[in-house]
Amino acid sequence: MRVLIVESEPELAGLWCRHLQRLNMDVRVATTQAEATRQIAQTYPEIMILDLVLANGSALAVSDFASYRSPDTQVIFVTDTSFFSDGSIFAHAQNACAFVQSETPPDDLAAMIEYYAARPPARIA
């Protein structure tokens, strides 16, 4: 399973990456919008873990690029803020499949990845 982690905090991205690699997932990490779009174009990830607040770039631009370039990529948005806490992220990002807090345990994140990767992406008519 191909997973792309887009996270500005290298320590958090590394924690998630190591955990998912131990579960035999093919994991790539990007810390900026530019790195993320390059990875999407090269690897066509099945699942992307995307921090809603990137230090260098826009998470919504990354999500939009993925929906265009890799339409089957599903996005698990993570955040440590209250932005979109009303669930409106699902109206702004057609490829959003989940929205969780950054401190979600890696085991729970891995379970979500496995669950959503097993399901075909929802299509909006």
PDB file of N, CA and C in Angstrom:
ATOM      1  N   MET A   1       0.833  -1.164   0.000  1.00  0.00           N
ATOM      2  CA  MET A   1       0.000   0.000   0.000  1.00  0.00           C
ATOM      3  C   MET A   1       0.886   1.239   0.000  1.00  0.00           C
ATOM      4  N   ARG A   2       0.594   2.167  -0.899  1.00  0.00           N
ATOM      5  CA  ARG A   2       1.385   3.391  -1.025  1.00  0.00           C
ATOM      6  C   ARG A   2       0.748   4.511  -0.194  1.00  0.00           C
ATOM      7  N   VAL A   3       1.539   5.058   0.728  1.00  0.00           N
ATOM      8  CA  VAL A   3       1.068   6.101   1.631  1.00  0.00           C
ATOM      9  C   VAL A   3       2.004   7.301   1.515  1.00  0.00           C
ATOM     10  N   LEU A   4       1.423   8.479   1.433  1.00  0.00           N
ATOM     11  CA  LEU A   4       2.201   9.715   1.455  1.00  0.00           C
ATOM     12  C   LEU A   4       1.820  10.486   2.703  1.00  0.00           C
ATOM     13  N   ILE A   5       2.814  10.823   3.509  1.00  0.00           N
ATOM     14  CA  ILE A   5       2.610  11.655   4.687  1.00  0.00           C
ATOM     15  C   ILE A   5       3.076  13.060   4.340  1.00  0.00           C
ATOM     16  N   VAL A   6       2.186  14.033   4.498  1.00  0.00           N
ATOM     17  CA  VAL A   6       2.537  15.433   4.258  1.00  0.00           C
ATOM     18  C   VAL A   6       2.383  16.140   5.598  1.00  0.00           C
ATOM     19  N   GLU A   7       3.520  16.402   6.231  1.00  0.00           N
ATOM     20  CA  GLU A   7       3.543  16.931   7.597  1.00  0.00           C
ATOM     21  C   GLU A   7       4.755  17.834   7.755  1.00  0.00           C
ATOM     22  N   SER A   8       4.524  19.037   8.268  1.00  0.00           N
ATOM     23  CA  SER A   8       5.607  20.010   8.449  1.00  0.00           C
ATOM     24  C   SER A   8       6.552  19.664   9.590  1.00  0.00           C
ATOM     25  N   GLU A   9       6.065  18.938  10.579  1.00  0.00           N
ATOM     26  CA  GLU A   9       6.876  18.566  11.739  1.00  0.00           C
ATOM     27  C   GLU A   9       7.602  17.250  11.451  1.00  0.00           C
ATOM     28  N   PRO A  10       8.915  17.302  11.188  1.00  0.00           N
ATOM     29  CA  PRO A  10       9.653  16.084  10.826  1.00  0.00           C
ATOM     30  C   PRO A  10       9.574  14.971  11.875  1.00  0.00           C
ATOM     31  N   GLU A  11       9.530  15.334  13.156  1.00  0.00           N
ATOM     32  CA  GLU A  11       9.483  14.310  14.201  1.00  0.00           C
ATOM     33  C   GLU A  11       8.171  13.525  14.132  1.00  0.00           C
ATOM     34  N   LEU A  12       7.063  14.229  13.953  1.00  0.00           N
ATOM     35  CA  LEU A  12       5.769  13.570  13.862  1.00  0.00           C
ATOM     36  C   LEU A  12       5.672  12.743  12.586  1.00  0.00           C
ATOM     37  N   ALA A  13       6.126  13.296  11.481  1.00  0.00           N
ATOM     38  CA  ALA A  13       6.128  12.551  10.219  1.00  0.00           C
ATOM     39  C   ALA A  13       6.980  11.286  10.339  1.00  0.00           C
ATOM     40  N   GLY A  14       8.127  11.395  10.992  1.00  0.00           N
ATOM     41  CA  GLY A  14       9.004  10.241  11.187  1.00  0.00           C
ATOM     42  C   GLY A  14       8.366   9.176  12.054  1.00  0.00           C
ATOM     43  N   LEU A  15       7.688   9.591  13.108  1.00  0.00           N
ATOM     44  CA  LEU A  15       6.991   8.639  13.982  1.00  0.00           C
ATOM     45  C   LEU A  15       5.953   7.855  13.199  1.00  0.00           C
ATOM     46  N   TRP A  16       5.108   8.570  12.450  1.00  0.00           N
ATOM     47  CA  TRP A  16       4.091   7.888  11.651  1.00  0.00           C
ATOM     48  C   TRP A  16       4.732   7.005  10.589  1.00  0.00           C
ATOM     49  N   CYS A  17       5.746   7.514   9.925  1.00  0.00           N
ATOM     50  CA  CYS A  17       6.413   6.773   8.854  1.00  0.00           C
ATOM     51  C   CYS A  17       6.988   5.454   9.364  1.00  0.00           C
ATOM     52  N   ARG A  18       7.731   5.508  10.443  1.00  0.00           N
ATOM     53  CA  ARG A  18       8.340   4.285  10.986  1.00  0.00           C
ATOM     54  C   ARG A  18       7.273   3.265  11.386  1.00  0.00           C
ATOM     55  N   HIS A  19       6.208   3.746  11.990  1.00  0.00           N
ATOM     56  CA  HIS A  19       5.138   2.844  12.422  1.00  0.00           C
ATOM     57  C   HIS A  19       4.491   2.157  11.209  1.00  0.00           C
ATOM     58  N   LEU A  20       4.196   2.926  10.181  1.00  0.00           N
ATOM     59  CA  LEU A  20       3.547   2.359   8.996  1.00  0.00           C
ATOM     60  C   LEU A  20       4.485   1.445   8.221  1.00  0.00           C
ATOM     61  N   GLN A  21       5.764   1.766   8.185  1.00  0.00           N
ATOM     62  CA  GLN A  21       6.729   0.897   7.511  1.00  0.00           C
ATOM     63  C   GLN A  21       6.845  -0.446   8.214  1.00  0.00           C
ATOM     64  N   ARG A  22       6.744  -0.440   9.545  1.00  0.00           N
ATOM     65  CA  ARG A  22       6.757  -1.715  10.280  1.00  0.00           C
ATOM     66  C   ARG A  22       5.568  -2.594   9.908  1.00  0.00           C
ATOM     67  N   LEU A  23       4.525  -1.988   9.368  1.00  0.00           N
ATOM     68  CA  LEU A  23       3.339  -2.724   8.921  1.00  0.00           C
ATOM     69  C   LEU A  23       3.414  -3.023   7.418  1.00  0.00           C
ATOM     70  N   ASN A  24       4.620  -2.900   6.857  1.00  0.00           N
ATOM     71  CA  ASN A  24       4.901  -3.204   5.449  1.00  0.00           C
ATOM     72  C   ASN A  24       4.189  -2.295   4.462  1.00  0.00           C
ATOM     73  N   MET A  25       3.977  -1.049   4.842  1.00  0.00           N
ATOM     74  CA  MET A  25       3.415  -0.073   3.917  1.00  0.00           C
ATOM     75  C   MET A  25       4.566   0.670   3.247  1.00  0.00           C
ATOM     76  N   ASP A  26       4.371   1.018   1.982  1.00  0.00           N
ATOM     77  CA  ASP A  26       5.335   1.810   1.229  1.00  0.00           C
ATOM     78  C   ASP A  26       5.037   3.273   1.540  1.00  0.00           C
ATOM     79  N   VAL A  27       5.883   3.893   2.371  1.00  0.00           N
ATOM     80  CA  VAL A  27       5.595   5.226   2.891  1.00  0.00           C
ATOM     81  C   VAL A  27       6.611   6.237   2.384  1.00  0.00           C
ATOM     82  N   ARG A  28       6.101   7.374   1.924  1.00  0.00           N
ATOM     83  CA  ARG A  28       6.922   8.513   1.538  1.00  0.00           C
ATOM     84  C   ARG A  28       6.527   9.681   2.432  1.00  0.00           C
ATOM     85  N   VAL A  29       7.459  10.611   2.622  1.00  0.00           N
ATOM     86  CA  VAL A  29       7.197  11.784   3.462  1.00  0.00           C
ATOM     87  C   VAL A  29       7.526  13.044   2.687  1.00  0.00           C
ATOM     88  N   ALA A  30       6.662  14.039   2.808  1.00  0.00           N
ATOM     89  CA  ALA A  30       6.901  15.367   2.250  1.00  0.00           C
ATOM     90  C   ALA A  30       6.620  16.375   3.352  1.00  0.00           C
ATOM     91  N   THR A  31       7.426  17.427   3.401  1.00  0.00           N
ATOM     92  CA  THR A  31       7.233  18.443   4.437  1.00  0.00           C
ATOM     93  C   THR A  31       6.707  19.761   3.880  1.00  0.00           C
ATOM     94  N   THR A  32       6.631  19.880   2.552  1.00  0.00           N
ATOM     95  CA  THR A  32       6.162  21.118   1.914  1.00  0.00           C
ATOM     96  C   THR A  32       5.167  20.788   0.807  1.00  0.00           C
ATOM     97  N   GLN A  33       4.465  21.807   0.365  1.00  0.00           N
ATOM     98  CA  GLN A  33       3.528  21.642  -0.746  1.00  0.00           C
ATOM     99  C   GLN A  33       4.265  21.176  -1.999  1.00  0.00           C
ATOM    100  N   ALA A  34       5.406  21.781  -2.292  1.00  0.00           N
ATOM    101  CA  ALA A  34       6.167  21.416  -3.496  1.00  0.00           C
ATOM    102  C   ALA A  34       6.613  19.957  -3.453  1.00  0.00           C
ATOM    103  N   GLU A  35       7.120  19.516  -2.305  1.00  0.00           N
ATOM    104  CA  GLU A  35       7.538  18.109  -2.171  1.00  0.00           C
ATOM    105  C   GLU A  35       6.341  17.181  -2.316  1.00  0.00           C
ATOM    106  N   ALA A  36       5.223  17.569  -1.740  1.00  0.00           N
ATOM    107  CA  ALA A  36       4.027  16.732  -1.782  1.00  0.00           C
ATOM    108  C   ALA A  36       3.526  16.554  -3.213  1.00  0.00           C
ATOM    109  N   THR A  37       3.455  17.647  -3.971  1.00  0.00           N
ATOM    110  CA  THR A  37       2.964  17.529  -5.347  1.00  0.00           C
ATOM    111  C   THR A  37       3.920  16.693  -6.200  1.00  0.00           C
ATOM    112  N   ARG A  38       5.198  16.822  -5.953  1.00  0.00           N
ATOM    113  CA  ARG A  38       6.183  16.000  -6.676  1.00  0.00           C
ATOM    114  C   ARG A  38       5.971  14.511  -6.353  1.00  0.00           C
ATOM    115  N   GLN A  39       5.780  14.202  -5.075  1.00  0.00           N
ATOM    116  CA  GLN A  39       5.563  12.811  -4.670  1.00  0.00           C
ATOM    117  C   GLN A  39       4.259  12.249  -5.247  1.00  0.00           C
ATOM    118  N   ILE A  40       3.213  13.057  -5.250  1.00  0.00           N
ATOM    119  CA  ILE A  40       1.933  12.606  -5.808  1.00  0.00           C
ATOM    120  C   ILE A  40       2.100  12.253  -7.281  1.00  0.00           C
ATOM    121  N   ALA A  41       2.769  13.112  -8.031  1.00  0.00           N
ATOM    122  CA  ALA A  41       2.972  12.891  -9.464  1.00  0.00           C
ATOM    123  C   ALA A  41       3.845  11.671  -9.751  1.00  0.00           C
ATOM    124  N   GLN A  42       4.742  11.336  -8.836  1.00  0.00           N
ATOM    125  CA  GLN A  42       5.653  10.218  -9.052  1.00  0.00           C
ATOM    126  C   GLN A  42       5.124   8.896  -8.525  1.00  0.00           C
ATOM    127  N   THR A  43       4.382   8.920  -7.416  1.00  0.00           N
ATOM    128  CA  THR A  43       4.047   7.655  -6.749  1.00  0.00           C
ATOM    129  C   THR A  43       2.569   7.299  -6.740  1.00  0.00           C
ATOM    130  N   TYR A  44       1.675   8.244  -7.037  1.00  0.00           N
ATOM    131  CA  TYR A  44       0.235   7.990  -7.028  1.00  0.00           C
ATOM    132  C   TYR A  44      -0.191   7.227  -5.761  1.00  0.00           C
ATOM    133  N   PRO A  45      -0.077   7.876  -4.612  1.00  0.00           N
ATOM    134  CA  PRO A  45      -0.388   7.165  -3.360  1.00  0.00           C
ATOM    135  C   PRO A  45      -1.859   6.770  -3.276  1.00  0.00           C
ATOM    136  N   GLU A  46      -2.109   5.678  -2.575  1.00  0.00           N
ATOM    137  CA  GLU A  46      -3.487   5.258  -2.337  1.00  0.00           C
ATOM    138  C   GLU A  46      -4.117   6.106  -1.235  1.00  0.00           C
ATOM    139  N   ILE A  47      -3.295   6.413  -0.228  1.00  0.00           N
ATOM    140  CA  ILE A  47      -3.749   7.195   0.924  1.00  0.00           C
ATOM    141  C   ILE A  47      -2.724   8.292   1.194  1.00  0.00           C
ATOM    142  N   MET A  48      -3.236   9.461   1.556  1.00  0.00           N
ATOM    143  CA  MET A  48      -2.351  10.552   1.956  1.00  0.00           C
ATOM    144  C   MET A  48      -2.786  11.034   3.333  1.00  0.00           C
ATOM    145  N   ILE A  49      -1.819  11.125   4.236  1.00  0.00           N
ATOM    146  CA  ILE A  49      -2.039  11.748   5.539  1.00  0.00           C
ATOM    147  C   ILE A  49      -1.564  13.178   5.370  1.00  0.00           C
ATOM    148  N   LEU A  50      -2.473  14.134   5.507  1.00  0.00           N
ATOM    149  CA  LEU A  50      -2.179  15.513   5.149  1.00  0.00           C
ATOM    150  C   LEU A  50      -2.497  16.448   6.307  1.00  0.00           C
ATOM    151  N   ASP A  51      -1.447  17.102   6.819  1.00  0.00           N
ATOM    152  CA  ASP A  51      -1.630  18.092   7.879  1.00  0.00           C
ATOM    153  C   ASP A  51      -2.357  19.287   7.287  1.00  0.00           C
ATOM    154  N   LEU A  52      -3.426  19.682   7.923  1.00  0.00           N
ATOM    155  CA  LEU A  52      -4.247  20.782   7.421  1.00  0.00           C
ATOM    156  C   LEU A  52      -3.512  22.110   7.419  1.00  0.00           C
ATOM    157  N   VAL A  53      -2.549  22.285   8.332  1.00  0.00           N
ATOM    158  CA  VAL A  53      -1.800  23.538   8.419  1.00  0.00           C
ATOM    159  C   VAL A  53      -0.330  23.249   8.127  1.00  0.00           C
ATOM    160  N   LEU A  54       0.070  23.460   6.879  1.00  0.00           N
ATOM    161  CA  LEU A  54       1.461  23.254   6.492  1.00  0.00           C
ATOM    162  C   LEU A  54       2.259  24.531   6.720  1.00  0.00           C
ATOM    163  N   ALA A  55       3.494  24.377   7.175  1.00  0.00           N
ATOM    164  CA  ALA A  55       4.359  25.543   7.382  1.00  0.00           C
ATOM    165  C   ALA A  55       4.763  26.168   6.052  1.00  0.00           C
ATOM    166  N   ASN A  56       4.861  25.347   5.006  1.00  0.00           N
ATOM    167  CA  ASN A  56       5.309  25.846   3.715  1.00  0.00           C
ATOM    168  C   ASN A  56       4.368  25.331   2.631  1.00  0.00           C
ATOM    169  N   GLY A  57       3.279  26.046   2.421  1.00  0.00           N
ATOM    170  CA  GLY A  57       2.338  25.671   1.380  1.00  0.00           C
ATOM    171  C   GLY A  57       0.924  25.545   1.906  1.00  0.00           C
ATOM    172  N   SER A  58       0.059  25.068   1.055  1.00  0.00           N
ATOM    173  CA  SER A  58      -1.361  24.945   1.357  1.00  0.00           C
ATOM    174  C   SER A  58      -1.815  23.496   1.268  1.00  0.00           C
ATOM    175  N   ALA A  59      -2.401  23.007   2.358  1.00  0.00           N
ATOM    176  CA  ALA A  59      -2.914  21.640   2.370  1.00  0.00           C
ATOM    177  C   ALA A  59      -4.050  21.474   1.361  1.00  0.00           C
ATOM    178  N   LEU A  60      -4.899  22.472   1.229  1.00  0.00           N
ATOM    179  CA  LEU A  60      -6.007  22.362   0.274  1.00  0.00           C
ATOM    180  C   LEU A  60      -5.497  22.331  -1.165  1.00  0.00           C
ATOM    181  N   ALA A  61      -4.406  23.043  -1.446  1.00  0.00           N
ATOM    182  CA  ALA A  61      -3.802  22.979  -2.786  1.00  0.00           C
ATOM    183  C   ALA A  61      -3.236  21.583  -3.045  1.00  0.00           C
ATOM    184  N   VAL A  62      -2.625  20.977  -2.033  1.00  0.00           N
ATOM    185  CA  VAL A  62      -2.104  19.611  -2.166  1.00  0.00           C
ATOM    186  C   VAL A  62      -3.255  18.646  -2.419  1.00  0.00           C
ATOM    187  N   SER A  63      -4.315  18.782  -1.651  1.00  0.00           N
ATOM    188  CA  SER A  63      -5.488  17.925  -1.822  1.00  0.00           C
ATOM    189  C   SER A  63      -6.089  18.088  -3.220  1.00  0.00           C
ATOM    190  N   ASP A  64      -6.210  19.331  -3.681  1.00  0.00           N
ATOM    191  CA  ASP A  64      -6.748  19.586  -5.025  1.00  0.00           C
ATOM    192  C   ASP A  64      -5.862  18.975  -6.103  1.00  0.00           C
ATOM    193  N   PHE A  65      -4.540  19.123  -5.946  1.00  0.00           N
ATOM    194  CA  PHE A  65      -3.619  18.545  -6.923  1.00  0.00           C
ATOM    195  C   PHE A  65      -3.776  17.027  -6.958  1.00  0.00           C
ATOM    196  N   ALA A  66      -3.901  16.417  -5.787  1.00  0.00           N
ATOM    197  CA  ALA A  66      -4.069  14.965  -5.730  1.00  0.00           C
ATOM    198  C   ALA A  66      -5.368  14.533  -6.408  1.00  0.00           C
ATOM    199  N   SER A  67      -6.445  15.286  -6.206  1.00  0.00           N
ATOM    200  CA  SER A  67      -7.719  14.893  -6.821  1.00  0.00           C
ATOM    201  C   SER A  67      -7.651  14.984  -8.349  1.00  0.00           C
ATOM    202  N   TYR A  68      -6.806  15.875  -8.852  1.00  0.00           N
ATOM    203  CA  TYR A  68      -6.621  16.004 -10.302  1.00  0.00           C
ATOM    204  C   TYR A  68      -5.641  14.963 -10.851  1.00  0.00           C
ATOM    205  N   ARG A  69      -4.464  14.876 -10.218  1.00  0.00           N
ATOM    206  CA  ARG A  69      -3.375  14.042 -10.747  1.00  0.00           C
ATOM    207  C   ARG A  69      -3.499  12.571 -10.352  1.00  0.00           C
ATOM    208  N   SER A  70      -4.086  12.309  -9.204  1.00  0.00           N
ATOM    209  CA  SER A  70      -4.209  10.942  -8.689  1.00  0.00           C
ATOM    210  C   SER A  70      -5.596  10.784  -8.062  1.00  0.00           C
ATOM    211  N   PRO A  71      -6.648  10.735  -8.891  1.00  0.00           N
ATOM    212  CA  PRO A  71      -8.021  10.826  -8.391  1.00  0.00           C
ATOM    213  C   PRO A  71      -8.437   9.727  -7.417  1.00  0.00           C
ATOM    214  N   ASP A  72      -7.726   8.617  -7.378  1.00  0.00           N
ATOM    215  CA  ASP A  72      -8.080   7.557  -6.439  1.00  0.00           C
ATOM    216  C   ASP A  72      -7.424   7.733  -5.068  1.00  0.00           C
ATOM    217  N   THR A  73      -6.552   8.726  -4.927  1.00  0.00           N
ATOM    218  CA  THR A  73      -5.919   8.980  -3.635  1.00  0.00           C
ATOM    219  C   THR A  73      -6.955   9.527  -2.659  1.00  0.00           C
ATOM    220  N   GLN A  74      -7.048   8.873  -1.501  1.00  0.00           N
ATOM    221  CA  GLN A  74      -7.936   9.332  -0.448  1.00  0.00           C
ATOM    222  C   GLN A  74      -7.097  10.057   0.601  1.00  0.00           C
ATOM    223  N   VAL A  75      -7.671  11.080   1.217  1.00  0.00           N
ATOM    224  CA  VAL A  75      -6.916  11.935   2.123  1.00  0.00           C
ATOM    225  C   VAL A  75      -7.474  11.849   3.537  1.00  0.00           C
ATOM    226  N   ILE A  76      -6.578  11.553   4.468  1.00  0.00           N
ATOM    227  CA  ILE A  76      -6.880  11.648   5.888  1.00  0.00           C
ATOM    228  C   ILE A  76      -6.253  12.954   6.355  1.00  0.00           C
ATOM    229  N   PHE A  77      -7.092  13.935   6.646  1.00  0.00           N
ATOM    230  CA  PHE A  77      -6.603  15.210   7.139  1.00  0.00           C
ATOM    231  C   PHE A  77      -6.329  15.101   8.628  1.00  0.00           C
ATOM    232  N   VAL A  78      -5.205  15.673   9.063  1.00  0.00           N
ATOM    233  CA  VAL A  78      -4.874  15.748  10.488  1.00  0.00           C
ATOM    234  C   VAL A  78      -4.639  17.209  10.852  1.00  0.00           C
ATOM    235  N   THR A  79      -4.919  17.538  12.096  1.00  0.00           N
ATOM    236  CA  THR A  79      -4.709  18.910  12.540  1.00  0.00           C
ATOM    237  C   THR A  79      -4.553  18.954  14.050  1.00  0.00           C
ATOM    238  N   ASP A  80      -3.922  20.019  14.513  1.00  0.00           N
ATOM    239  CA  ASP A  80      -3.861  20.277  15.949  1.00  0.00           C
ATOM    240  C   ASP A  80      -4.571  21.591  16.266  1.00  0.00           C
ATOM    241  N   THR A  81      -5.422  22.024  15.329  1.00  0.00           N
ATOM    242  CA  THR A  81      -6.186  23.263  15.500  1.00  0.00           C
ATOM    243  C   THR A  81      -7.681  22.946  15.485  1.00  0.00           C
ATOM    244  N   SER A  82      -8.486  23.979  15.614  1.00  0.00           N
ATOM    245  CA  SER A  82      -9.936  23.779  15.549  1.00  0.00           C
ATOM    246  C   SER A  82     -10.499  24.115  14.165  1.00  0.00           C
ATOM    247  N   PHE A  83      -9.623  24.424  13.189  1.00  0.00           N
ATOM    248  CA  PHE A  83     -10.105  24.667  11.831  1.00  0.00           C
ATOM    249  C   PHE A  83     -10.904  23.470  11.337  1.00  0.00           C
ATOM    250  N   PHE A  84     -12.009  23.731  10.708  1.00  0.00           N
ATOM    251  CA  PHE A  84     -12.866  22.708  10.108  1.00  0.00           C
ATOM    252  C   PHE A  84     -13.397  21.695  11.120  1.00  0.00           C
ATOM    253  N   SER A  85     -13.407  22.050  12.397  1.00  0.00           N
ATOM    254  CA  SER A  85     -13.893  21.110  13.411  1.00  0.00           C
ATOM    255  C   SER A  85     -15.380  20.808  13.240  1.00  0.00           C
ATOM    256  N   ASP A  86     -16.057  21.595  12.417  1.00  0.00           N
ATOM    257  CA  ASP A  86     -17.473  21.350  12.139  1.00  0.00           C
ATOM    258  C   ASP A  86     -17.681  20.319  11.033  1.00  0.00           C
ATOM    259  N   GLY A  87     -16.594  19.776  10.496  1.00  0.00           N
ATOM    260  CA  GLY A  87     -16.696  18.772   9.438  1.00  0.00           C
ATOM    261  C   GLY A  87     -16.773  19.350   8.039  1.00  0.00           C
ATOM    262  N   SER A  88     -16.669  20.663   7.914  1.00  0.00           N
ATOM    263  CA  SER A  88     -16.802  21.287   6.596  1.00  0.00           C
ATOM    264  C   SER A  88     -15.642  20.958   5.651  1.00  0.00           C
ATOM    265  N   ILE A  89     -14.582  20.351   6.161  1.00  0.00           N
ATOM    266  CA  ILE A  89     -13.475  19.952   5.285  1.00  0.00           C
ATOM    267  C   ILE A  89     -13.973  19.028   4.180  1.00  0.00           C
ATOM    268  N   PHE A  90     -15.009  18.247   4.477  1.00  0.00           N
ATOM    269  CA  PHE A  90     -15.541  17.318   3.481  1.00  0.00           C
ATOM    270  C   PHE A  90     -16.244  18.049   2.333  1.00  0.00           C
ATOM    271  N   ALA A  91     -16.658  19.282   2.561  1.00  0.00           N
ATOM    272  CA  ALA A  91     -17.241  20.095   1.500  1.00  0.00           C
ATOM    273  C   ALA A  91     -16.163  20.796   0.676  1.00  0.00           C
ATOM    274  N   HIS A  92     -14.976  20.955   1.239  1.00  0.00           N
ATOM    275  CA  HIS A  92     -13.891  21.670   0.560  1.00  0.00           C
ATOM    276  C   HIS A  92     -12.910  20.740  -0.156  1.00  0.00           C
ATOM    277  N   ALA A  93     -12.842  19.500   0.274  1.00  0.00           N
ATOM    278  CA  ALA A  93     -11.889  18.553  -0.319  1.00  0.00           C
ATOM    279  C   ALA A  93     -12.638  17.279  -0.697  1.00  0.00           C
ATOM    280  N   GLN A  94     -12.847  17.092  -1.980  1.00  0.00           N
ATOM    281  CA  GLN A  94     -13.639  15.952  -2.425  1.00  0.00           C
ATOM    282  C   GLN A  94     -12.983  14.607  -2.142  1.00  0.00           C
ATOM    283  N   ASN A  95     -11.662  14.598  -1.930  1.00  0.00           N
ATOM    284  CA  ASN A  95     -10.972  13.340  -1.662  1.00  0.00           C
ATOM    285  C   ASN A  95     -10.758  13.083  -0.170  1.00  0.00           C
ATOM    286  N   ALA A  96     -11.340  13.916   0.687  1.00  0.00           N
ATOM    287  CA  ALA A  96     -11.225  13.709   2.140  1.00  0.00           C
ATOM    288  C   ALA A  96     -12.029  12.486   2.550  1.00  0.00           C
ATOM    289  N   CYS A  97     -11.399  11.611   3.308  1.00  0.00           N
ATOM    290  CA  CYS A  97     -12.118  10.444   3.812  1.00  0.00           C
ATOM    291  C   CYS A  97     -12.187  10.452   5.335  1.00  0.00           C
ATOM    292  N   ALA A  98     -11.312  11.228   5.988  1.00  0.00           N
ATOM    293  CA  ALA A  98     -11.317  11.300   7.449  1.00  0.00           C
ATOM    294  C   ALA A  98     -10.659  12.598   7.895  1.00  0.00           C
ATOM    295  N   PHE A  99     -10.957  12.974   9.117  1.00  0.00           N
ATOM    296  CA  PHE A  99     -10.430  14.198   9.716  1.00  0.00           C
ATOM    297  C   PHE A  99     -10.166  13.898  11.184  1.00  0.00           C
ATOM    298  N   VAL A 100      -8.884  13.891  11.591  1.00  0.00           N
ATOM    299  CA  VAL A 100      -8.516  13.504  12.953  1.00  0.00           C
ATOM    300  C   VAL A 100      -7.519  14.495  13.546  1.00  0.00           C
ATOM    301  N   GLN A 101      -7.335  14.396  14.838  1.00  0.00           N
ATOM    302  CA  GLN A 101      -6.359  15.229  15.532  1.00  0.00           C
ATOM    303  C   GLN A 101      -4.949  14.677  15.318  1.00  0.00           C
ATOM    304  N   SER A 102      -3.966  15.564  15.328  1.00  0.00           N
ATOM    305  CA  SER A 102      -2.564  15.170  15.123  1.00  0.00           C
ATOM    306  C   SER A 102      -2.069  14.177  16.154  1.00  0.00           C
ATOM    307  N   GLU A 103      -2.636  14.227  17.359  1.00  0.00           N
ATOM    308  CA  GLU A 103      -2.175  13.309  18.398  1.00  0.00           C
ATOM    309  C   GLU A 103      -2.855  11.944  18.355  1.00  0.00           C
ATOM    310  N   THR A 104      -3.551  11.648  17.258  1.00  0.00           N
ATOM    311  CA  THR A 104      -4.142  10.321  17.088  1.00  0.00           C
ATOM    312  C   THR A 104      -3.028   9.275  17.169  1.00  0.00           C
ATOM    313  N   PRO A 105      -3.202   8.226  17.966  1.00  0.00           N
ATOM    314  CA  PRO A 105      -2.155   7.204  18.087  1.00  0.00           C
ATOM    315  C   PRO A 105      -1.833   6.565  16.730  1.00  0.00           C
ATOM    316  N   PRO A 106      -0.559   6.275  16.482  1.00  0.00           N
ATOM    317  CA  PRO A 106      -0.159   5.674  15.201  1.00  0.00           C
ATOM    318  C   PRO A 106      -0.915   4.381  14.878  1.00  0.00           C
ATOM    319  N   ASP A 107      -1.235   3.572  15.885  1.00  0.00           N
ATOM    320  CA  ASP A 107      -2.005   2.346  15.631  1.00  0.00           C
ATOM    321  C   ASP A 107      -3.380   2.668  15.061  1.00  0.00           C
ATOM    322  N   ASP A 108      -4.017   3.700  15.596  1.00  0.00           N
ATOM    323  CA  ASP A 108      -5.334   4.091  15.103  1.00  0.00           C
ATOM    324  C   ASP A 108      -5.234   4.645  13.684  1.00  0.00           C
ATOM    325  N   LEU A 109      -4.211   5.413  13.437  1.00  0.00           N
ATOM    326  CA  LEU A 109      -3.998   5.956  12.095  1.00  0.00           C
ATOM    327  C   LEU A 109      -3.763   4.825  11.093  1.00  0.00           C
ATOM    328  N   ALA A 110      -2.982   3.835  11.482  1.00  0.00           N
ATOM    329  CA  ALA A 110      -2.720   2.678  10.611  1.00  0.00           C
ATOM    330  C   ALA A 110      -4.007   1.915  10.323  1.00  0.00           C
ATOM    331  N   ALA A 111      -4.857   1.755  11.328  1.00  0.00           N
ATOM    332  CA  ALA A 111      -6.133   1.062  11.127  1.00  0.00           C
ATOM    333  C   ALA A 111      -7.019   1.833  10.153  1.00  0.00           C
ATOM    334  N   MET A 112      -7.005   3.151  10.267  1.00  0.00           N
ATOM    335  CA  MET A 112      -7.794   3.968   9.339  1.00  0.00           C
ATOM    336  C   MET A 112      -7.258   3.843   7.918  1.00  0.00           C
ATOM    337  N   ILE A 113      -5.943   3.834   7.765  1.00  0.00           N
ATOM    338  CA  ILE A 113      -5.334   3.689   6.444  1.00  0.00           C
ATOM    339  C   ILE A 113      -5.747   2.364   5.821  1.00  0.00           C
ATOM    340  N   GLU A 114      -5.650   1.289   6.583  1.00  0.00           N
ATOM    341  CA  GLU A 114      -6.031  -0.024   6.066  1.00  0.00           C
ATOM    342  C   GLU A 114      -7.509  -0.069   5.699  1.00  0.00           C
ATOM    343  N   TYR A 115      -8.344   0.549   6.518  1.00  0.00           N
ATOM    344  CA  TYR A 115      -9.778   0.566   6.254  1.00  0.00           C
ATOM    345  C   TYR A 115     -10.099   1.324   4.964  1.00  0.00           C
ATOM    346  N   TYR A 116      -9.593   2.533   4.834  1.00  0.00           N
ATOM    347  CA  TYR A 116      -9.913   3.338   3.661  1.00  0.00           C
ATOM    348  C   TYR A 116      -9.240   2.821   2.398  1.00  0.00           C
ATOM    349  N   ALA A 117      -8.085   2.223   2.511  1.00  0.00           N
ATOM    350  CA  ALA A 117      -7.416   1.669   1.324  1.00  0.00           C
ATOM    351  C   ALA A 117      -8.190   0.472   0.769  1.00  0.00           C
ATOM    352  N   ALA A 118      -8.920  -0.225   1.617  1.00  0.00           N
ATOM    353  CA  ALA A 118      -9.689  -1.373   1.192  1.00  0.00           C
ATOM    354  C   ALA A 118     -11.003  -0.977   0.515  1.00  0.00           C
ATOM    355  N   ARG A 119     -11.402   0.282   0.689  1.00  0.00           N
ATOM    356  CA  ARG A 119     -12.650   0.780   0.119  1.00  0.00           C
ATOM    357  C   ARG A 119     -12.345   1.623  -1.122  1.00  0.00           C
ATOM    358  N   PRO A 120     -13.189   1.525  -2.128  1.00  0.00           N
ATOM    359  CA  PRO A 120     -12.982   2.426  -3.269  1.00  0.00           C
ATOM    360  C   PRO A 120     -13.330   3.855  -2.855  1.00  0.00           C
ATOM    361  N   PRO A 121     -12.674   4.840  -3.441  1.00  0.00           N
ATOM    362  CA  PRO A 121     -12.977   6.231  -3.100  1.00  0.00           C
ATOM    363  C   PRO A 121     -14.419   6.583  -3.453  1.00  0.00           C
ATOM    364  N   ALA A 122     -15.025   7.415  -2.636  1.00  0.00           N
ATOM    365  CA  ALA A 122     -16.375   7.888  -2.923  1.00  0.00           C
ATOM    366  C   ALA A 122     -16.325   8.832  -4.113  1.00  0.00           C
ATOM    367  N   ARG A 123     -17.249   8.719  -4.983  1.00  0.00           N
ATOM    368  CA  ARG A 123     -17.324   9.590  -6.169  1.00  0.00           C
ATOM    369  C   ARG A 123     -18.497  10.529  -6.019  1.00  0.00           C
ATOM    370  N   ILE A 124     -18.249  11.794  -6.265  1.00  0.00           N
ATOM    371  CA  ILE A 124     -19.315  12.788  -6.221  1.00  0.00           C
ATOM    372  C   ILE A 124     -19.788  13.036  -7.638  1.00  0.00           C
ATOM    373  N   ALA A 125     -21.071  12.886  -7.846  1.00  0.00           N
ATOM    374  CA  ALA A 125     -21.625  13.061  -9.213  1.00  0.00           C
ATOM    375  C   ALA A 125     -21.766  14.511  -9.578  1.00  0.00           C
TER     376      ALA A 125
END
